[in-house]
Amino acid sequence: MPDTALAADFKPLTRQQMAARAAQDIPEGWYVNLGIGIPTMIADYVPLDREVIFHSENGVLGMGPAPAEDKIDPWLINAGKQYVTLRAGGSFCHHADSFAMIRGGHLDLCVLGAFQVAENGDIANWATSENDTAPAVGGAMDLAAGAKRLWVVMDHTTKTGESKLVRKCTYPLTAVGAVKRVYTNLATLDVTPEGFRVIDMAPGLSFESLQARTDAPLRQG
């Protein structure tokens, strides 16, 4: 079913709402890497009075929200080449030191986008064509293996209506069994030994409608 048909009975979350929903769940004091795409928006929705230390693999620790247009520092960017700000106490480091943080298990969380997530937590997020802005796995493989936990933020279906939550990934894997939670424009789900467990859904969406749009079996509670 094409995504355009979804608006008939409920309203999917916007990208901003998806980022804000994920930001709600990040505890005080965590060190967090944000992947390219929707995950980078999460920094805009963490309250400034909550200490969450955002990391970027190009060598930034302590990123803040995106700057206003008149406050842009052209030398301060994240790994996705987007302008960012630096919170009080933030710092810069060499690219190799940044990856030592990742590979050394010092990040509490990484949030990535994905093309597919399987019910056992496998993730596929490699670029799929020569026209993609990051035509390779990039740092995602290091992050998926090195961070203490991995969350994914992505649309629930493709533009042509295929589910991105699958029984088994058909794209090349980035990591095996790494994903712990998924935030989509339709629902928030945990990855459990029994498969996907629904935490909450977009307003107006029924569990039956969510299951109809999902390849993998879902469970509640």
N, C-alpha and C. Protein backbone atom coordinates (compact mmCIF):
# COMPACT_ATOMS: atom_id res chain seq x y z
N MET A 1 0.85 -1.20 0.00
CA MET A 1 0.00 0.00 0.00
C MET A 1 0.89 1.25 0.00
N PRO A 2 0.73 2.16 -0.96
CA PRO A 2 1.55 3.37 -0.99
C PRO A 2 1.34 4.22 0.25
N ASP A 3 2.41 4.95 0.65
CA ASP A 3 2.32 5.80 1.82
C ASP A 3 1.24 6.86 1.68
N THR A 4 0.93 7.28 0.44
CA THR A 4 -0.06 8.33 0.24
C THR A 4 -1.43 7.91 0.74
N ALA A 5 -1.66 6.61 0.86
CA ALA A 5 -2.97 6.13 1.32
C ALA A 5 -3.10 6.16 2.83
N LEU A 6 -2.00 6.34 3.54
CA LEU A 6 -2.04 6.25 4.99
C LEU A 6 -2.83 7.37 5.64
N ALA A 7 -2.84 8.53 5.00
CA ALA A 7 -3.47 9.70 5.61
C ALA A 7 -4.99 9.57 5.70
N ALA A 8 -5.56 8.55 5.06
CA ALA A 8 -7.01 8.42 5.04
C ALA A 8 -7.58 8.13 6.43
N ASP A 9 -6.85 7.38 7.28
CA ASP A 9 -7.41 7.02 8.56
C ASP A 9 -6.59 7.50 9.76
N PHE A 10 -5.43 8.04 9.54
CA PHE A 10 -4.61 8.56 10.64
C PHE A 10 -3.50 9.43 10.05
N LYS A 11 -2.76 10.07 10.94
CA LYS A 11 -1.71 10.98 10.49
C LYS A 11 -0.35 10.47 10.96
N PRO A 12 0.51 10.02 10.05
CA PRO A 12 1.84 9.57 10.44
C PRO A 12 2.64 10.72 11.06
N LEU A 13 3.62 10.37 11.87
CA LEU A 13 4.49 11.38 12.47
C LEU A 13 5.38 12.02 11.41
N THR A 14 5.67 13.29 11.58
CA THR A 14 6.63 13.97 10.71
C THR A 14 8.04 13.57 11.13
N ARG A 15 9.02 13.94 10.34
CA ARG A 15 10.41 13.65 10.70
C ARG A 15 10.79 14.35 12.00
N GLN A 16 10.30 15.57 12.17
CA GLN A 16 10.58 16.30 13.40
C GLN A 16 9.96 15.61 14.61
N GLN A 17 8.74 15.12 14.45
CA GLN A 17 8.08 14.41 15.54
C GLN A 17 8.78 13.10 15.87
N MET A 18 9.29 12.41 14.85
CA MET A 18 10.05 11.19 15.08
C MET A 18 11.31 11.48 15.88
N ALA A 19 12.02 12.55 15.52
CA ALA A 19 13.23 12.92 16.24
C ALA A 19 12.92 13.31 17.68
N ALA A 20 11.83 14.06 17.86
CA ALA A 20 11.43 14.48 19.21
C ALA A 20 11.04 13.28 20.06
N ARG A 21 10.38 12.30 19.44
CA ARG A 21 9.98 11.10 20.19
C ARG A 21 11.21 10.33 20.67
N ALA A 22 12.20 10.19 19.82
CA ALA A 22 13.42 9.50 20.22
C ALA A 22 14.17 10.28 21.30
N ALA A 23 14.18 11.60 21.18
CA ALA A 23 14.89 12.44 22.15
C ALA A 23 14.31 12.27 23.56
N GLN A 24 13.01 12.02 23.65
CA GLN A 24 12.37 11.84 24.96
C GLN A 24 13.01 10.70 25.76
N ASP A 25 13.50 9.69 25.07
CA ASP A 25 13.94 8.46 25.73
C ASP A 25 15.42 8.43 26.08
N ILE A 26 16.17 9.47 25.72
CA ILE A 26 17.61 9.46 26.00
C ILE A 26 17.84 9.96 27.43
N PRO A 27 18.38 9.13 28.29
CA PRO A 27 18.55 9.52 29.69
C PRO A 27 19.64 10.57 29.90
N GLU A 28 19.56 11.21 31.03
CA GLU A 28 20.57 12.18 31.46
C GLU A 28 21.94 11.51 31.52
N GLY A 29 22.94 12.22 30.96
CA GLY A 29 24.32 11.78 31.11
C GLY A 29 24.84 10.83 30.05
N TRP A 30 24.00 10.42 29.10
CA TRP A 30 24.46 9.48 28.08
C TRP A 30 25.33 10.18 27.03
N TYR A 31 26.31 9.44 26.51
CA TYR A 31 27.11 9.86 25.36
C TYR A 31 26.49 9.22 24.12
N VAL A 32 26.14 10.05 23.13
CA VAL A 32 25.28 9.58 22.03
C VAL A 32 25.84 10.03 20.69
N ASN A 33 25.94 9.10 19.75
CA ASN A 33 26.29 9.44 18.37
C ASN A 33 25.02 9.47 17.53
N LEU A 34 24.88 10.50 16.70
CA LEU A 34 23.71 10.64 15.83
C LEU A 34 24.12 10.45 14.38
N GLY A 35 23.49 9.48 13.71
CA GLY A 35 23.80 9.21 12.32
C GLY A 35 23.21 10.24 11.38
N ILE A 36 23.58 10.13 10.11
CA ILE A 36 23.13 11.06 9.08
C ILE A 36 21.63 10.89 8.82
N GLY A 37 20.95 12.01 8.53
CA GLY A 37 19.52 11.96 8.24
C GLY A 37 18.69 12.39 9.43
N ILE A 38 17.55 11.73 9.62
CA ILE A 38 16.64 12.08 10.71
C ILE A 38 17.33 12.07 12.07
N PRO A 39 18.24 11.11 12.36
CA PRO A 39 18.87 11.11 13.68
C PRO A 39 19.56 12.42 14.07
N THR A 40 20.11 13.15 13.10
CA THR A 40 20.79 14.40 13.46
C THR A 40 19.83 15.42 14.06
N MET A 41 18.53 15.30 13.77
CA MET A 41 17.53 16.24 14.29
C MET A 41 17.31 16.05 15.79
N ILE A 42 17.69 14.90 16.33
CA ILE A 42 17.42 14.61 17.73
C ILE A 42 18.05 15.65 18.65
N ALA A 43 19.22 16.15 18.29
CA ALA A 43 19.90 17.15 19.12
C ALA A 43 19.07 18.42 19.28
N ASP A 44 18.16 18.68 18.34
CA ASP A 44 17.31 19.87 18.42
C ASP A 44 16.20 19.72 19.45
N TYR A 45 15.94 18.51 19.92
CA TYR A 45 14.78 18.27 20.77
C TYR A 45 15.12 17.79 22.18
N VAL A 46 16.38 17.69 22.51
CA VAL A 46 16.77 17.38 23.88
C VAL A 46 16.81 18.69 24.66
N PRO A 47 16.06 18.83 25.76
CA PRO A 47 16.05 20.08 26.53
C PRO A 47 17.46 20.48 26.96
N LEU A 48 17.73 21.78 26.92
CA LEU A 48 19.06 22.26 27.26
C LEU A 48 19.42 22.00 28.71
N ASP A 49 18.41 21.77 29.58
CA ASP A 49 18.71 21.49 30.98
C ASP A 49 18.97 20.01 31.23
N ARG A 50 18.89 19.18 30.17
CA ARG A 50 19.24 17.76 30.30
C ARG A 50 20.61 17.55 29.68
N GLU A 51 21.54 16.99 30.42
CA GLU A 51 22.89 16.80 29.91
C GLU A 51 22.99 15.50 29.12
N VAL A 52 22.97 15.65 27.79
CA VAL A 52 23.23 14.55 26.88
C VAL A 52 24.39 14.99 26.01
N ILE A 53 25.46 14.20 25.96
CA ILE A 53 26.67 14.60 25.25
C ILE A 53 26.66 13.94 23.88
N PHE A 54 26.46 14.76 22.85
CA PHE A 54 26.38 14.25 21.48
C PHE A 54 27.76 14.21 20.83
N HIS A 55 28.03 13.10 20.17
CA HIS A 55 29.33 12.82 19.55
C HIS A 55 29.16 12.73 18.04
N SER A 56 30.14 13.23 17.30
CA SER A 56 30.16 13.05 15.86
C SER A 56 31.51 12.46 15.47
N GLU A 57 31.50 11.45 14.58
CA GLU A 57 32.74 10.71 14.32
C GLU A 57 33.82 11.52 13.63
N ASN A 58 33.49 12.72 13.11
CA ASN A 58 34.54 13.55 12.54
C ASN A 58 35.33 14.29 13.61
N GLY A 59 34.99 14.09 14.89
CA GLY A 59 35.82 14.62 15.96
C GLY A 59 35.20 15.72 16.79
N VAL A 60 33.89 15.64 17.02
CA VAL A 60 33.20 16.62 17.87
C VAL A 60 32.56 15.89 19.04
N LEU A 61 32.74 16.40 20.23
CA LEU A 61 32.11 15.84 21.42
C LEU A 61 31.46 16.99 22.18
N GLY A 62 30.13 16.92 22.33
CA GLY A 62 29.40 17.99 22.99
C GLY A 62 28.64 18.88 22.03
N MET A 63 28.09 18.30 20.95
CA MET A 63 27.31 19.08 19.99
C MET A 63 25.99 19.54 20.59
N GLY A 64 25.57 20.72 20.17
CA GLY A 64 24.27 21.24 20.55
C GLY A 64 23.33 21.21 19.37
N PRO A 65 22.19 21.90 19.45
CA PRO A 65 21.23 21.93 18.35
C PRO A 65 21.78 22.68 17.14
N ALA A 66 21.07 22.59 16.03
CA ALA A 66 21.47 23.31 14.82
C ALA A 66 21.44 24.81 15.08
N PRO A 67 22.38 25.57 14.49
CA PRO A 67 22.44 27.01 14.74
C PRO A 67 21.41 27.79 13.93
N ALA A 68 21.05 28.97 14.43
CA ALA A 68 20.26 29.91 13.62
C ALA A 68 21.12 30.36 12.45
N GLU A 69 20.47 30.83 11.37
CA GLU A 69 21.22 31.19 10.16
C GLU A 69 22.26 32.26 10.41
N ASP A 70 21.98 33.16 11.35
CA ASP A 70 22.94 34.23 11.62
C ASP A 70 23.97 33.84 12.68
N LYS A 71 23.94 32.59 13.13
CA LYS A 71 24.89 32.12 14.15
C LYS A 71 25.76 30.97 13.63
N ILE A 72 25.79 30.75 12.33
CA ILE A 72 26.53 29.63 11.76
C ILE A 72 28.03 29.87 11.86
N ASP A 73 28.74 28.86 12.34
CA ASP A 73 30.20 28.84 12.31
C ASP A 73 30.59 27.87 11.19
N PRO A 74 31.14 28.36 10.07
CA PRO A 74 31.40 27.49 8.92
C PRO A 74 32.44 26.40 9.19
N TRP A 75 33.17 26.52 10.29
CA TRP A 75 34.17 25.52 10.63
C TRP A 75 33.63 24.43 11.55
N LEU A 76 32.38 24.57 11.96
CA LEU A 76 31.81 23.62 12.92
C LEU A 76 30.70 22.82 12.24
N ILE A 77 31.02 21.58 11.84
CA ILE A 77 30.06 20.71 11.16
C ILE A 77 30.09 19.32 11.79
N ASN A 78 29.03 18.55 11.50
CA ASN A 78 29.01 17.16 11.94
C ASN A 78 29.46 16.26 10.80
N ALA A 79 29.37 14.94 11.00
CA ALA A 79 29.85 13.99 10.00
C ALA A 79 29.02 14.03 8.72
N GLY A 80 27.81 14.57 8.80
CA GLY A 80 26.96 14.71 7.62
C GLY A 80 27.11 16.04 6.92
N LYS A 81 28.16 16.80 7.31
CA LYS A 81 28.47 18.11 6.73
C LYS A 81 27.39 19.15 7.02
N GLN A 82 26.65 18.97 8.12
CA GLN A 82 25.66 19.94 8.55
C GLN A 82 26.26 20.84 9.62
N TYR A 83 25.84 22.11 9.61
CA TYR A 83 26.31 23.04 10.63
C TYR A 83 25.71 22.66 11.99
N VAL A 84 26.55 22.72 13.01
CA VAL A 84 26.10 22.40 14.37
C VAL A 84 26.62 23.47 15.33
N THR A 85 26.17 23.37 16.58
CA THR A 85 26.69 24.25 17.63
C THR A 85 27.46 23.39 18.63
N LEU A 86 28.15 24.04 19.53
CA LEU A 86 28.91 23.35 20.57
C LEU A 86 28.39 23.81 21.91
N ARG A 87 27.99 22.85 22.76
CA ARG A 87 27.50 23.20 24.08
C ARG A 87 28.66 23.49 25.01
N ALA A 88 28.37 24.14 26.13
CA ALA A 88 29.40 24.46 27.12
C ALA A 88 30.13 23.19 27.53
N GLY A 89 31.46 23.22 27.48
CA GLY A 89 32.26 22.06 27.82
C GLY A 89 32.55 21.16 26.64
N GLY A 90 32.01 21.47 25.46
CA GLY A 90 32.26 20.67 24.27
C GLY A 90 33.70 20.77 23.81
N SER A 91 34.11 19.82 22.97
CA SER A 91 35.51 19.79 22.55
C SER A 91 35.65 19.17 21.16
N PHE A 92 36.86 19.33 20.60
CA PHE A 92 37.20 18.73 19.32
C PHE A 92 38.35 17.75 19.52
N CYS A 93 38.44 16.75 18.65
CA CYS A 93 39.55 15.81 18.72
C CYS A 93 39.88 15.30 17.32
N HIS A 94 41.00 14.61 17.21
CA HIS A 94 41.40 14.01 15.95
C HIS A 94 40.41 12.91 15.55
N HIS A 95 40.25 12.73 14.26
CA HIS A 95 39.35 11.70 13.73
C HIS A 95 39.68 10.32 14.32
N ALA A 96 40.95 9.99 14.44
CA ALA A 96 41.35 8.68 14.98
C ALA A 96 40.94 8.54 16.45
N ASP A 97 41.07 9.64 17.21
CA ASP A 97 40.65 9.59 18.61
C ASP A 97 39.14 9.42 18.72
N SER A 98 38.42 10.05 17.80
CA SER A 98 36.97 9.92 17.80
C SER A 98 36.55 8.47 17.58
N PHE A 99 37.23 7.77 16.65
CA PHE A 99 36.91 6.37 16.41
C PHE A 99 37.40 5.47 17.53
N ALA A 100 38.41 5.92 18.26
CA ALA A 100 38.83 5.16 19.46
C ALA A 100 37.73 5.19 20.51
N MET A 101 37.01 6.30 20.61
CA MET A 101 35.87 6.37 21.52
C MET A 101 34.80 5.36 21.10
N ILE A 102 34.55 5.29 19.79
CA ILE A 102 33.52 4.38 19.27
C ILE A 102 33.94 2.93 19.50
N ARG A 103 35.13 2.58 19.04
CA ARG A 103 35.58 1.19 19.08
C ARG A 103 35.91 0.74 20.50
N GLY A 104 36.15 1.69 21.38
CA GLY A 104 36.46 1.35 22.77
C GLY A 104 35.25 1.15 23.65
N GLY A 105 34.04 1.28 23.06
CA GLY A 105 32.82 1.05 23.83
C GLY A 105 32.45 2.18 24.77
N HIS A 106 32.85 3.41 24.42
CA HIS A 106 32.60 4.55 25.32
C HIS A 106 31.30 5.29 25.02
N LEU A 107 30.58 4.91 23.95
CA LEU A 107 29.32 5.55 23.62
C LEU A 107 28.16 4.74 24.20
N ASP A 108 27.27 5.41 24.91
CA ASP A 108 26.10 4.73 25.48
C ASP A 108 25.10 4.35 24.41
N LEU A 109 25.04 5.15 23.33
CA LEU A 109 23.99 4.97 22.33
C LEU A 109 24.45 5.51 20.99
N CYS A 110 24.05 4.82 19.94
CA CYS A 110 24.14 5.35 18.58
C CYS A 110 22.74 5.28 17.97
N VAL A 111 22.34 6.33 17.27
CA VAL A 111 21.05 6.36 16.58
C VAL A 111 21.33 6.49 15.08
N LEU A 112 20.89 5.51 14.30
CA LEU A 112 21.13 5.49 12.87
C LEU A 112 19.83 5.45 12.08
N GLY A 113 19.91 5.81 10.82
CA GLY A 113 18.84 5.53 9.88
C GLY A 113 19.07 4.14 9.31
N ALA A 114 18.09 3.61 8.58
CA ALA A 114 18.24 2.27 8.01
C ALA A 114 17.30 2.08 6.83
N PHE A 115 17.67 1.13 5.97
CA PHE A 115 16.79 0.70 4.90
C PHE A 115 15.92 -0.46 5.37
N GLN A 116 16.48 -1.31 6.24
CA GLN A 116 15.73 -2.43 6.79
C GLN A 116 16.24 -2.75 8.20
N VAL A 117 15.31 -3.18 9.06
CA VAL A 117 15.65 -3.76 10.35
C VAL A 117 14.88 -5.07 10.47
N ALA A 118 15.59 -6.14 10.80
CA ALA A 118 14.94 -7.45 10.94
C ALA A 118 14.47 -7.67 12.36
N GLU A 119 13.56 -8.62 12.53
CA GLU A 119 12.96 -8.87 13.83
C GLU A 119 13.96 -9.35 14.89
N ASN A 120 15.13 -9.83 14.46
CA ASN A 120 16.17 -10.23 15.41
C ASN A 120 17.19 -9.12 15.68
N GLY A 121 16.96 -7.91 15.11
CA GLY A 121 17.85 -6.78 15.34
C GLY A 121 18.92 -6.57 14.30
N ASP A 122 18.94 -7.37 13.23
CA ASP A 122 19.87 -7.12 12.13
C ASP A 122 19.53 -5.77 11.50
N ILE A 123 20.56 -5.05 11.05
CA ILE A 123 20.34 -3.75 10.40
C ILE A 123 21.05 -3.71 9.06
N ALA A 124 20.36 -3.13 8.07
CA ALA A 124 20.94 -2.87 6.75
C ALA A 124 20.80 -1.39 6.47
N ASN A 125 21.92 -0.69 6.41
CA ASN A 125 21.83 0.75 6.10
C ASN A 125 22.94 1.22 5.17
N TRP A 126 23.50 0.31 4.39
CA TRP A 126 24.46 0.71 3.37
C TRP A 126 23.76 1.58 2.33
N ALA A 127 24.52 2.48 1.70
CA ALA A 127 23.98 3.23 0.57
C ALA A 127 23.64 2.25 -0.55
N THR A 128 22.59 2.57 -1.30
CA THR A 128 22.09 1.61 -2.30
C THR A 128 22.40 1.99 -3.74
N SER A 129 23.02 3.12 -3.99
CA SER A 129 23.35 3.49 -5.37
C SER A 129 24.51 4.47 -5.39
N GLU A 130 25.06 4.70 -6.58
CA GLU A 130 26.18 5.62 -6.73
C GLU A 130 25.76 7.06 -6.48
N ASN A 131 24.45 7.33 -6.50
CA ASN A 131 23.96 8.69 -6.33
C ASN A 131 23.78 9.08 -4.87
N ASP A 132 23.91 8.13 -3.93
CA ASP A 132 23.76 8.45 -2.52
C ASP A 132 24.89 9.34 -2.05
N THR A 133 24.60 10.17 -1.05
CA THR A 133 25.60 11.13 -0.58
C THR A 133 26.76 10.47 0.15
N ALA A 134 26.52 9.30 0.74
CA ALA A 134 27.60 8.57 1.42
C ALA A 134 27.64 7.16 0.84
N PRO A 135 28.33 6.98 -0.31
CA PRO A 135 28.23 5.73 -1.07
C PRO A 135 29.04 4.57 -0.48
N ALA A 136 28.75 4.19 0.75
CA ALA A 136 29.44 3.08 1.41
C ALA A 136 28.83 2.91 2.79
N VAL A 137 29.37 1.98 3.56
CA VAL A 137 28.87 1.78 4.91
C VAL A 137 29.30 2.91 5.84
N GLY A 138 30.37 3.63 5.49
CA GLY A 138 30.83 4.74 6.33
C GLY A 138 31.24 4.26 7.71
N GLY A 139 30.93 5.05 8.74
CA GLY A 139 31.26 4.66 10.11
C GLY A 139 30.20 3.83 10.78
N ALA A 140 29.11 3.51 10.06
CA ALA A 140 27.98 2.83 10.69
C ALA A 140 28.35 1.47 11.24
N MET A 141 29.24 0.74 10.54
CA MET A 141 29.62 -0.60 11.01
C MET A 141 30.37 -0.50 12.34
N ASP A 142 31.28 0.48 12.45
CA ASP A 142 31.99 0.70 13.72
C ASP A 142 31.03 1.08 14.83
N LEU A 143 30.09 1.97 14.51
CA LEU A 143 29.14 2.44 15.51
C LEU A 143 28.21 1.33 15.97
N ALA A 144 27.71 0.53 15.03
CA ALA A 144 26.79 -0.55 15.38
C ALA A 144 27.48 -1.60 16.26
N ALA A 145 28.78 -1.79 16.03
CA ALA A 145 29.52 -2.78 16.81
C ALA A 145 30.06 -2.22 18.11
N GLY A 146 30.39 -0.91 18.12
CA GLY A 146 31.09 -0.34 19.26
C GLY A 146 30.23 0.32 20.31
N ALA A 147 29.08 0.88 19.91
CA ALA A 147 28.22 1.54 20.88
C ALA A 147 27.54 0.51 21.78
N LYS A 148 27.20 0.91 23.00
CA LYS A 148 26.59 -0.02 23.94
C LYS A 148 25.19 -0.44 23.51
N ARG A 149 24.51 0.43 22.78
CA ARG A 149 23.17 0.08 22.27
C ARG A 149 22.92 0.87 20.98
N LEU A 150 22.06 0.33 20.13
CA LEU A 150 21.77 0.93 18.84
C LEU A 150 20.27 1.10 18.67
N TRP A 151 19.85 2.33 18.36
CA TRP A 151 18.47 2.62 18.00
C TRP A 151 18.42 3.03 16.54
N VAL A 152 17.28 2.85 15.91
CA VAL A 152 17.09 3.24 14.52
C VAL A 152 15.89 4.17 14.42
N VAL A 153 16.04 5.23 13.63
CA VAL A 153 14.93 6.13 13.30
C VAL A 153 14.77 6.11 11.78
N MET A 154 13.57 5.75 11.30
CA MET A 154 13.36 5.64 9.85
C MET A 154 11.86 5.63 9.55
N ASP A 155 11.51 5.85 8.30
CA ASP A 155 10.12 5.67 7.88
C ASP A 155 9.76 4.19 7.99
N HIS A 156 8.49 3.92 8.24
CA HIS A 156 8.04 2.54 8.46
C HIS A 156 8.03 1.75 7.16
N THR A 157 7.75 2.45 6.05
CA THR A 157 7.69 1.80 4.74
C THR A 157 8.48 2.58 3.72
N THR A 158 8.77 1.96 2.59
CA THR A 158 9.43 2.64 1.49
C THR A 158 8.41 3.55 0.78
N LYS A 159 8.88 4.31 -0.19
CA LYS A 159 7.99 5.20 -0.94
C LYS A 159 6.93 4.42 -1.72
N THR A 160 7.22 3.16 -2.01
CA THR A 160 6.25 2.33 -2.74
C THR A 160 5.46 1.40 -1.81
N GLY A 161 5.63 1.58 -0.50
CA GLY A 161 4.79 0.87 0.45
C GLY A 161 5.33 -0.41 1.03
N GLU A 162 6.57 -0.80 0.68
CA GLU A 162 7.14 -2.02 1.26
C GLU A 162 7.59 -1.76 2.70
N SER A 163 7.38 -2.72 3.57
CA SER A 163 7.76 -2.59 4.97
C SER A 163 9.28 -2.59 5.12
N LYS A 164 9.78 -1.73 6.00
CA LYS A 164 11.20 -1.73 6.33
C LYS A 164 11.49 -2.56 7.58
N LEU A 165 10.43 -2.96 8.27
CA LEU A 165 10.56 -3.88 9.40
C LEU A 165 10.25 -5.28 8.88
N VAL A 166 11.27 -6.12 8.80
CA VAL A 166 11.16 -7.36 8.04
C VAL A 166 11.51 -8.58 8.91
N ARG A 167 11.10 -9.73 8.41
CA ARG A 167 11.49 -10.98 9.07
C ARG A 167 12.99 -11.23 8.91
N LYS A 168 13.49 -10.94 7.70
CA LYS A 168 14.91 -11.11 7.41
C LYS A 168 15.33 -10.06 6.39
N CYS A 169 16.46 -9.39 6.65
CA CYS A 169 16.93 -8.34 5.74
C CYS A 169 17.31 -8.94 4.38
N THR A 170 16.94 -8.24 3.33
CA THR A 170 17.34 -8.64 1.97
C THR A 170 18.47 -7.78 1.44
N TYR A 171 18.78 -6.68 2.13
CA TYR A 171 19.93 -5.84 1.78
C TYR A 171 21.16 -6.34 2.52
N PRO A 172 22.38 -5.97 2.05
CA PRO A 172 23.61 -6.34 2.76
C PRO A 172 23.58 -5.80 4.20
N LEU A 173 23.98 -6.64 5.15
CA LEU A 173 23.91 -6.25 6.56
C LEU A 173 25.04 -5.32 6.96
N THR A 174 24.68 -4.34 7.80
CA THR A 174 25.66 -3.49 8.46
C THR A 174 26.13 -4.13 9.75
N ALA A 175 25.20 -4.73 10.49
CA ALA A 175 25.52 -5.40 11.76
C ALA A 175 24.45 -6.46 12.03
N VAL A 176 24.83 -7.46 12.79
CA VAL A 176 23.94 -8.57 13.12
C VAL A 176 23.43 -8.43 14.55
N GLY A 177 22.10 -8.45 14.70
CA GLY A 177 21.49 -8.47 16.03
C GLY A 177 21.81 -7.27 16.90
N ALA A 178 22.06 -6.11 16.30
CA ALA A 178 22.53 -4.95 17.05
C ALA A 178 21.42 -4.01 17.51
N VAL A 179 20.32 -3.93 16.78
CA VAL A 179 19.29 -2.92 17.05
C VAL A 179 18.46 -3.31 18.27
N LYS A 180 18.26 -2.34 19.17
CA LYS A 180 17.47 -2.57 20.38
C LYS A 180 16.11 -1.88 20.31
N ARG A 181 15.99 -0.80 19.55
CA ARG A 181 14.73 -0.06 19.47
C ARG A 181 14.62 0.61 18.11
N VAL A 182 13.38 0.74 17.62
CA VAL A 182 13.12 1.38 16.33
C VAL A 182 12.02 2.43 16.49
N TYR A 183 12.28 3.62 15.95
CA TYR A 183 11.30 4.70 15.91
C TYR A 183 10.94 4.94 14.45
N THR A 184 9.67 4.80 14.11
CA THR A 184 9.24 5.08 12.75
C THR A 184 8.15 6.15 12.77
N ASN A 185 7.67 6.53 11.58
CA ASN A 185 6.58 7.50 11.51
C ASN A 185 5.24 6.88 11.88
N LEU A 186 5.23 5.56 12.16
CA LEU A 186 4.00 4.89 12.57
C LEU A 186 4.04 4.37 14.00
N ALA A 187 5.22 4.06 14.53
CA ALA A 187 5.27 3.42 15.85
C ALA A 187 6.66 3.46 16.45
N THR A 188 6.72 3.21 17.75
CA THR A 188 7.97 2.95 18.47
C THR A 188 7.94 1.48 18.89
N LEU A 189 9.04 0.77 18.60
CA LEU A 189 9.06 -0.67 18.85
C LEU A 189 10.38 -1.08 19.48
N ASP A 190 10.33 -2.02 20.40
CA ASP A 190 11.53 -2.65 20.94
C ASP A 190 11.81 -3.93 20.19
N VAL A 191 13.09 -4.25 20.04
CA VAL A 191 13.49 -5.53 19.49
C VAL A 191 13.75 -6.48 20.66
N THR A 192 12.99 -7.55 20.73
CA THR A 192 13.07 -8.50 21.84
C THR A 192 13.41 -9.89 21.30
N PRO A 193 13.73 -10.85 22.17
CA PRO A 193 13.96 -12.21 21.69
C PRO A 193 12.77 -12.82 20.96
N GLU A 194 11.58 -12.27 21.22
CA GLU A 194 10.35 -12.75 20.56
C GLU A 194 10.00 -11.92 19.32
N GLY A 195 10.84 -10.95 18.96
CA GLY A 195 10.56 -10.11 17.81
C GLY A 195 10.21 -8.69 18.20
N PHE A 196 9.50 -7.97 17.31
CA PHE A 196 9.15 -6.58 17.55
C PHE A 196 8.00 -6.45 18.55
N ARG A 197 8.22 -5.63 19.59
CA ARG A 197 7.16 -5.34 20.56
C ARG A 197 6.78 -3.87 20.44
N VAL A 198 5.51 -3.59 20.24
CA VAL A 198 5.04 -2.22 20.03
C VAL A 198 4.94 -1.49 21.38
N ILE A 199 5.60 -0.33 21.46
CA ILE A 199 5.55 0.52 22.65
C ILE A 199 4.42 1.54 22.52
N ASP A 200 4.38 2.23 21.39
CA ASP A 200 3.30 3.18 21.11
C ASP A 200 3.15 3.33 19.61
N MET A 201 2.04 3.94 19.20
CA MET A 201 1.74 4.10 17.78
C MET A 201 1.31 5.53 17.48
N ALA A 202 1.36 5.91 16.21
CA ALA A 202 0.91 7.23 15.79
C ALA A 202 -0.57 7.39 16.15
N PRO A 203 -0.98 8.60 16.54
CA PRO A 203 -2.38 8.81 16.93
C PRO A 203 -3.35 8.37 15.84
N GLY A 204 -4.36 7.61 16.24
CA GLY A 204 -5.38 7.15 15.31
C GLY A 204 -5.07 5.85 14.60
N LEU A 205 -3.87 5.32 14.78
CA LEU A 205 -3.49 4.07 14.10
C LEU A 205 -3.81 2.88 15.00
N SER A 206 -4.47 1.88 14.46
CA SER A 206 -4.78 0.68 15.22
C SER A 206 -3.65 -0.33 15.08
N PHE A 207 -3.60 -1.26 16.02
CA PHE A 207 -2.57 -2.31 15.96
C PHE A 207 -2.75 -3.14 14.68
N GLU A 208 -3.98 -3.40 14.30
CA GLU A 208 -4.24 -4.19 13.10
C GLU A 208 -3.74 -3.47 11.84
N SER A 209 -3.93 -2.15 11.80
CA SER A 209 -3.44 -1.38 10.65
C SER A 209 -1.92 -1.34 10.62
N LEU A 210 -1.30 -1.25 11.80
CA LEU A 210 0.16 -1.27 11.87
C LEU A 210 0.70 -2.61 11.39
N GLN A 211 0.09 -3.69 11.85
CA GLN A 211 0.54 -5.02 11.42
C GLN A 211 0.38 -5.19 9.91
N ALA A 212 -0.68 -4.64 9.34
CA ALA A 212 -0.91 -4.76 7.90
C ALA A 212 0.18 -4.07 7.09
N ARG A 213 0.85 -3.10 7.70
CA ARG A 213 1.91 -2.35 7.02
C ARG A 213 3.31 -2.86 7.40
N THR A 214 3.36 -3.98 8.12
CA THR A 214 4.62 -4.49 8.63
C THR A 214 4.82 -5.93 8.20
N ASP A 215 5.98 -6.22 7.60
CA ASP A 215 6.26 -7.57 7.14
C ASP A 215 6.44 -8.54 8.32
N ALA A 216 7.20 -8.12 9.33
CA ALA A 216 7.46 -8.98 10.49
C ALA A 216 6.26 -9.00 11.44
N PRO A 217 6.04 -10.09 12.14
CA PRO A 217 4.95 -10.13 13.11
C PRO A 217 5.23 -9.22 14.29
N LEU A 218 4.17 -8.60 14.83
CA LEU A 218 4.28 -7.67 15.94
C LEU A 218 3.56 -8.23 17.15
N ARG A 219 3.96 -7.76 18.33
CA ARG A 219 3.22 -8.11 19.54
C ARG A 219 3.08 -6.88 20.41
N GLN A 220 2.07 -6.85 21.23
CA GLN A 220 1.81 -5.75 22.14
C GLN A 220 2.14 -6.16 23.57
N GLY A 221 2.47 -5.12 24.39
CA GLY A 221 2.68 -5.37 25.81
C GLY A 221 3.95 -6.12 26.13
